[in-house]
Amino acid sequence: MHNSSDLLALIESKYGEMSKGQKIIADYIREHYDKAAYMTALKFGQTVGVSESTVVRFASELGFDGYPELQTALQDLMRSKLTTVQRIELSTDKIGDGDILDAVLHHDIEKIRRTLEETSRDDFNRAVDIISSCHTIYIIGARSSASLAQFLSHYFDLIFPRVKLVHASTRSELFEQILRIDEKDALIAISFPRYSRQTIEALKYANSRGTNIIAITDCASSPLTQFSDCNLFAKSDMASFVDSLVAPLSLINALIVAVSRRCSETVTRNLERLEEIWREFEVYEPAKSGDDSGGKDSK
């Protein structure tokens, strides 16, 4: 299977050997890969004026097992390269003019379902092992992924004594925060298309230091995976220019629960101490009579 980031370069390298029909397909992909990503082979052929079999042969000539594999590469390429304006245009085509609330929520439900099907249990369990046994946990997520990183950091702070949320601002400040990271530590990196360059730079440095790296990203062709020890994939296809973080957050929730169960004695001890502190300093508004939400004080 090809890395989608190399797809355009692959097409360019083979362009001189292509037939006239295949060059038509190649030209269309180079100019309109966002539209081609969701076309069937039949629809693609009709759009550019070649036969369906020509489209299928084109995929084979590039080294793909079939058209579906080429289509997956196109979709990965699209997610990583689309501009904000292109995202809005594409989402208009996908959602249409119907019930937006219904369409967006159903898209998110589908993303969670696909995440459940495609996430590796082996990698998930390995991530729990790494987190539970490391010295310091570093967590990084830039731009929209920063909210996911902060959420994960908040709950890990309740479990572990050494959790460091890396704030990706300037390059110098980024490296100052991870200067001492080494093989005893773990770095959890969160990034989805369009991928953060600062996050990737942090991964390169951590990788050079022998750090255990966990990537939370969208697919195997994500640039994060070339540096990570285990990968947790969550679907984040946009419903508009807004990144959908529903499936990634659900995956992170599962990770927090799994780690807390692994470290159950520590979690119980820490939360008991925190409850005493919260009550003493009146951190939370007292629950009203008949309110059964008192067990949610960790928010």
Protein backbone atom coordinates (compact mmCIF):
# COMPACT_ATOMS: atom_id res chain seq x y z
CA MET A 1 0.00 0.00 0.00
CA HIS A 2 1.37 3.40 -0.96
CA ASN A 3 1.74 6.37 1.32
CA SER A 4 -0.76 8.96 0.12
CA SER A 5 1.75 11.79 0.56
CA ASP A 6 3.80 10.20 -2.23
CA LEU A 7 0.84 9.73 -4.59
CA LEU A 8 1.33 12.88 -6.64
CA ALA A 9 5.06 12.21 -6.91
CA LEU A 10 4.31 8.63 -8.01
CA ILE A 11 1.94 9.86 -10.72
CA GLU A 12 4.56 12.36 -11.87
CA SER A 13 7.26 9.69 -12.09
CA LYS A 14 5.13 7.40 -14.24
CA TYR A 15 3.45 10.08 -16.34
CA GLY A 16 5.75 9.66 -19.36
CA GLU A 17 4.90 5.95 -19.62
CA MET A 18 1.13 6.42 -19.48
CA SER A 19 -1.34 5.97 -22.29
CA LYS A 20 -3.41 8.91 -23.50
CA GLY A 21 -6.39 7.83 -21.37
CA GLN A 22 -4.26 7.35 -18.29
CA LYS A 23 -2.72 10.81 -18.72
CA ILE A 24 -6.22 12.27 -18.76
CA ILE A 25 -6.88 10.55 -15.42
CA ALA A 26 -3.54 11.71 -14.03
CA ASP A 27 -4.19 15.32 -15.08
CA TYR A 28 -7.60 15.28 -13.41
CA ILE A 29 -6.16 13.90 -10.16
CA ARG A 30 -3.44 16.55 -10.08
CA GLU A 31 -5.99 19.33 -10.51
CA HIS A 32 -9.05 17.89 -8.71
CA TYR A 33 -7.94 15.18 -6.25
CA ASP A 34 -10.54 16.48 -3.76
CA LYS A 35 -13.37 15.62 -6.17
CA ALA A 36 -11.82 12.35 -7.39
CA ALA A 37 -11.47 11.06 -3.81
CA TYR A 38 -15.16 10.18 -3.50
CA MET A 39 -15.89 9.02 -7.05
CA THR A 40 -16.45 5.41 -8.00
CA ALA A 41 -14.34 4.09 -10.86
CA LEU A 42 -17.41 4.31 -13.11
CA LYS A 43 -18.17 7.90 -12.13
CA PHE A 44 -14.51 8.86 -12.49
CA GLY A 45 -14.42 7.43 -16.02
CA GLN A 46 -17.61 9.23 -16.99
CA THR A 47 -16.29 12.52 -15.57
CA VAL A 48 -13.04 12.51 -17.55
CA GLY A 49 -14.33 10.67 -20.64
CA VAL A 50 -12.61 7.28 -20.37
CA SER A 51 -13.89 3.77 -19.63
CA GLU A 52 -14.22 2.33 -16.14
CA SER A 53 -11.68 -0.35 -17.05
CA THR A 54 -9.15 2.36 -17.95
CA VAL A 55 -9.54 3.84 -14.47
CA VAL A 56 -9.03 0.41 -12.87
CA ARG A 57 -5.93 -0.25 -15.03
CA PHE A 58 -4.58 3.17 -14.06
CA ALA A 59 -4.69 2.14 -10.38
CA SER A 60 -2.90 -1.12 -11.19
CA GLU A 61 -0.20 0.66 -13.21
CA LEU A 62 0.56 2.79 -10.15
CA GLY A 63 1.06 -0.37 -8.11
CA PHE A 64 -2.23 -0.42 -6.20
CA ASP A 65 -4.09 -3.69 -5.65
CA GLY A 66 -7.21 -2.13 -7.13
CA TYR A 67 -9.19 1.07 -7.49
CA PRO A 68 -10.46 1.06 -3.85
CA GLU A 69 -6.86 1.27 -2.61
CA LEU A 70 -6.16 4.21 -4.94
CA GLN A 71 -9.35 5.87 -3.72
CA THR A 72 -8.21 5.50 -0.10
CA ALA A 73 -4.89 7.14 -1.00
CA LEU A 74 -6.77 9.98 -2.68
CA GLN A 75 -8.91 10.51 0.41
CA ASP A 76 -5.83 10.60 2.65
CA LEU A 77 -4.19 13.07 0.28
CA MET A 78 -7.30 15.21 0.24
CA ARG A 79 -7.54 15.41 4.04
CA SER A 80 -3.92 16.48 4.39
CA LYS A 81 -3.84 19.07 1.60
CA LEU A 82 -7.25 20.74 1.42
CA THR A 83 -7.36 24.43 2.25
CA THR A 84 -10.08 25.80 4.53
CA VAL A 85 -11.99 27.20 1.56
CA GLN A 86 -11.87 23.83 -0.24
CA ARG A 87 -13.15 22.11 2.90
CA ILE A 88 -16.20 24.37 2.97
CA GLU A 89 -16.92 23.69 -0.72
CA LEU A 90 -16.55 19.94 -0.27
CA SER A 91 -18.73 19.85 2.84
CA THR A 92 -21.47 21.69 0.98
CA ASP A 93 -21.48 18.91 -1.62
CA LYS A 94 -21.46 16.15 1.03
CA ILE A 95 -24.10 17.58 3.39
CA GLY A 96 -26.32 19.30 0.84
CA ASP A 97 -29.16 21.61 1.80
CA GLY A 98 -31.01 19.21 4.14
CA ASP A 99 -31.14 19.01 7.92
CA ILE A 100 -27.62 20.07 8.95
CA LEU A 101 -28.03 18.90 12.55
CA ASP A 102 -29.10 15.45 11.37
CA ALA A 103 -26.34 15.24 8.74
CA VAL A 104 -23.48 16.32 11.02
CA LEU A 105 -24.49 14.09 13.93
CA HIS A 106 -24.91 11.08 11.65
CA HIS A 107 -21.48 11.77 10.12
CA ASP A 108 -20.02 11.77 13.64
CA ILE A 109 -21.79 8.52 14.55
CA GLU A 110 -20.29 6.95 11.43
CA LYS A 111 -16.81 8.20 12.39
CA ILE A 112 -17.07 6.56 15.82
CA ARG A 113 -18.24 3.30 14.23
CA ARG A 114 -15.32 3.28 11.79
CA THR A 115 -12.88 4.15 14.57
CA LEU A 116 -14.13 1.19 16.62
CA GLU A 117 -13.69 -1.14 13.65
CA GLU A 118 -10.24 0.05 12.59
CA THR A 119 -8.41 0.76 15.86
CA SER A 120 -5.78 -1.88 16.63
CA ARG A 121 -6.43 -3.54 19.99
CA ASP A 122 -2.76 -4.52 20.14
CA ASP A 123 -1.63 -0.91 19.72
CA PHE A 124 -4.28 0.29 22.20
CA ASN A 125 -3.09 -2.18 24.84
CA ARG A 126 0.55 -1.36 24.12
CA ALA A 127 -0.24 2.34 24.63
CA VAL A 128 -1.78 1.54 28.02
CA ASP A 129 1.36 -0.43 28.96
CA ILE A 130 3.67 2.42 27.93
CA ILE A 131 1.67 5.10 29.76
CA SER A 132 1.31 3.03 32.93
CA SER A 133 5.02 2.27 33.25
CA CYS A 134 6.84 5.39 32.01
CA HIS A 135 8.53 8.06 34.14
CA THR A 136 7.02 11.25 32.68
CA ILE A 137 4.12 11.60 30.26
CA TYR A 138 4.46 14.39 27.69
CA ILE A 139 1.34 15.34 25.73
CA ILE A 140 1.32 17.56 22.65
CA GLY A 141 -1.46 18.72 20.35
CA ALA A 142 -1.52 21.93 18.33
CA ARG A 143 -4.34 24.06 16.94
CA SER A 144 -7.68 22.21 17.15
CA SER A 145 -5.92 19.17 18.64
CA ALA A 146 -4.80 21.33 21.58
CA SER A 147 -8.22 20.89 23.18
CA LEU A 148 -7.82 17.10 23.02
CA ALA A 149 -4.33 17.31 24.52
CA GLN A 150 -5.59 19.51 27.37
CA PHE A 151 -8.49 17.14 28.08
CA LEU A 152 -6.14 14.13 28.23
CA SER A 153 -3.65 16.04 30.39
CA HIS A 154 -6.38 17.08 32.85
CA TYR A 155 -7.37 13.48 33.62
CA PHE A 156 -3.85 12.04 33.57
CA ASP A 157 -2.88 14.71 36.12
CA LEU A 158 -5.36 13.03 38.48
CA ILE A 159 -3.58 9.69 38.06
CA PHE A 160 0.13 10.36 37.56
CA PRO A 161 2.61 12.65 39.37
CA ARG A 162 4.55 13.64 36.26
CA VAL A 163 2.42 14.82 33.34
CA LYS A 164 3.62 17.64 31.10
CA LEU A 165 1.33 19.35 28.62
CA VAL A 166 3.52 20.76 25.86
CA HIS A 167 2.31 24.08 24.55
CA ALA A 168 3.35 24.44 20.92
CA SER A 169 4.04 28.15 20.48
CA THR A 170 7.44 29.13 19.11
CA ARG A 171 10.00 26.51 18.02
CA SER A 172 12.45 27.49 20.75
CA GLU A 173 9.80 27.27 23.47
CA LEU A 174 8.67 23.91 22.09
CA PHE A 175 12.14 22.37 22.38
CA GLU A 176 12.74 23.95 25.79
CA GLN A 177 9.68 22.09 27.10
CA ILE A 178 10.83 18.69 25.84
CA LEU A 179 14.57 19.22 26.36
CA ARG A 180 14.94 16.49 28.99
CA ILE A 181 12.71 13.87 27.38
CA ASP A 182 14.37 10.45 27.12
CA GLU A 183 13.83 6.69 26.83
CA LYS A 184 12.13 6.45 30.26
CA ASP A 185 9.36 8.82 29.15
CA ALA A 186 6.36 8.68 26.86
CA LEU A 187 5.20 11.28 24.36
CA ILE A 188 1.55 11.24 23.29
CA ALA A 189 1.21 13.26 20.07
CA ILE A 190 -2.20 14.23 18.72
CA SER A 191 -2.61 15.61 15.21
CA PHE A 192 -5.15 15.37 12.40
CA PRO A 193 -5.24 16.87 8.89
CA ARG A 194 -3.94 19.39 8.30
CA TYR A 195 -1.02 18.05 10.35
CA SER A 196 0.90 20.39 12.66
CA ARG A 197 4.54 20.87 11.67
CA GLN A 198 5.50 21.68 15.26
CA THR A 199 4.03 18.39 16.48
CA ILE A 200 6.06 16.49 13.87
CA GLU A 201 9.24 18.36 14.89
CA ALA A 202 8.62 17.39 18.52
CA LEU A 203 8.22 13.75 17.43
CA LYS A 204 11.51 13.82 15.51
CA TYR A 205 13.36 15.09 18.55
CA ALA A 206 11.68 12.63 20.94
CA ASN A 207 12.39 9.78 18.54
CA SER A 208 16.08 10.71 18.47
CA ARG A 209 16.08 10.50 22.28
CA GLY A 210 14.62 7.00 22.31
CA THR A 211 11.30 8.11 23.78
CA ASN A 212 8.24 5.86 23.67
CA ILE A 213 5.89 7.60 21.23
CA ILE A 214 2.14 7.14 20.95
CA ALA A 215 0.44 8.78 17.95
CA ILE A 216 -3.24 9.64 18.02
CA THR A 217 -4.01 10.49 14.41
CA ASP A 218 -6.30 9.60 11.51
CA CYS A 219 -4.60 6.94 9.37
CA ALA A 220 -1.45 4.92 8.62
CA SER A 221 -0.26 7.50 6.07
CA SER A 222 -0.20 10.26 8.70
CA PRO A 223 3.33 11.74 9.03
CA LEU A 224 3.20 11.02 12.77
CA THR A 225 3.40 7.26 12.20
CA GLN A 226 6.98 7.32 10.89
CA PHE A 227 8.18 8.20 14.41
CA SER A 228 5.68 6.39 16.65
CA ASP A 229 5.87 3.08 18.50
CA CYS A 230 2.12 2.54 18.45
CA ASN A 231 -0.70 4.24 16.57
CA LEU A 232 -4.27 4.92 17.63
CA PHE A 233 -6.37 5.87 14.63
CA ALA A 234 -9.57 7.90 14.89
CA LYS A 235 -11.63 9.19 11.99
CA SER A 236 -11.82 12.97 11.77
CA ASP A 237 -13.24 13.70 8.30
CA MET A 238 -14.49 17.25 8.35
CA ALA A 239 -18.17 18.13 8.12
CA SER A 240 -17.08 21.65 7.21
CA PHE A 241 -13.93 23.73 7.82
CA VAL A 242 -14.42 22.63 11.46
CA ASP A 243 -12.44 19.50 12.36
CA SER A 244 -14.62 16.74 13.77
CA LEU A 245 -13.10 15.72 17.10
CA VAL A 246 -15.91 13.41 18.24
CA ALA A 247 -14.22 10.10 17.37
CA PRO A 248 -10.75 11.21 18.60
CA LEU A 249 -12.28 12.32 21.91
CA SER A 250 -14.12 9.02 22.26
CA LEU A 251 -10.86 7.15 21.66
CA ILE A 252 -9.10 9.32 24.25
CA ASN A 253 -11.91 8.61 26.73
CA ALA A 254 -11.34 4.89 26.23
CA LEU A 255 -7.61 5.37 26.79
CA ILE A 256 -8.20 7.28 30.05
CA VAL A 257 -10.59 4.58 31.33
CA ALA A 258 -8.18 1.76 30.41
CA VAL A 259 -5.23 3.48 32.10
CA SER A 260 -7.27 4.34 35.21
CA ARG A 261 -8.32 0.70 35.57
CA ARG A 262 -4.72 -0.41 35.20
CA CYS A 263 -3.76 2.03 37.97
CA SER A 264 -6.97 1.68 40.00
CA GLU A 265 -5.38 1.81 43.47
CA THR A 266 -3.49 5.00 42.66
CA VAL A 267 -6.58 6.60 41.10
CA THR A 268 -8.75 5.79 44.13
CA ARG A 269 -6.14 7.13 46.56
CA ASN A 270 -5.64 10.36 44.58
CA LEU A 271 -9.34 11.03 44.17
CA GLU A 272 -10.04 10.49 47.86
CA ARG A 273 -7.40 13.10 48.70
CA LEU A 274 -8.78 15.48 46.08
CA GLU A 275 -12.33 15.15 47.42
CA GLU A 276 -11.09 16.24 50.83
CA ILE A 277 -9.31 19.24 49.31
CA TRP A 278 -12.32 20.21 47.17
CA ARG A 279 -14.62 20.11 50.20
CA GLU A 280 -12.20 22.02 52.45
CA PHE A 281 -11.67 24.84 49.97
CA GLU A 282 -15.24 24.77 48.57
CA VAL A 283 -14.06 24.27 45.01
CA TYR A 284 -17.51 23.20 43.81
CA GLU A 285 -20.99 24.47 44.41
CA PRO A 286 -22.77 22.17 46.89
CA ALA A 287 -25.23 19.79 45.25
CA LYS A 288 -28.88 20.69 45.76
CA SER A 289 -31.19 18.31 47.54
CA GLY A 290 -32.15 15.47 45.24
CA ASP A 291 -29.22 16.18 42.88
CA ASP A 292 -27.33 12.94 42.20
CA SER A 293 -24.46 14.53 40.25
CA GLY A 294 -22.10 14.71 43.24
CA GLY A 295 -19.78 12.10 41.76
CA LYS A 296 -18.75 14.35 38.89
CA ASP A 297 -16.51 16.73 40.81
CA SER A 298 -13.42 15.86 38.81
CA LYS A 299 -14.59 18.03 35.93
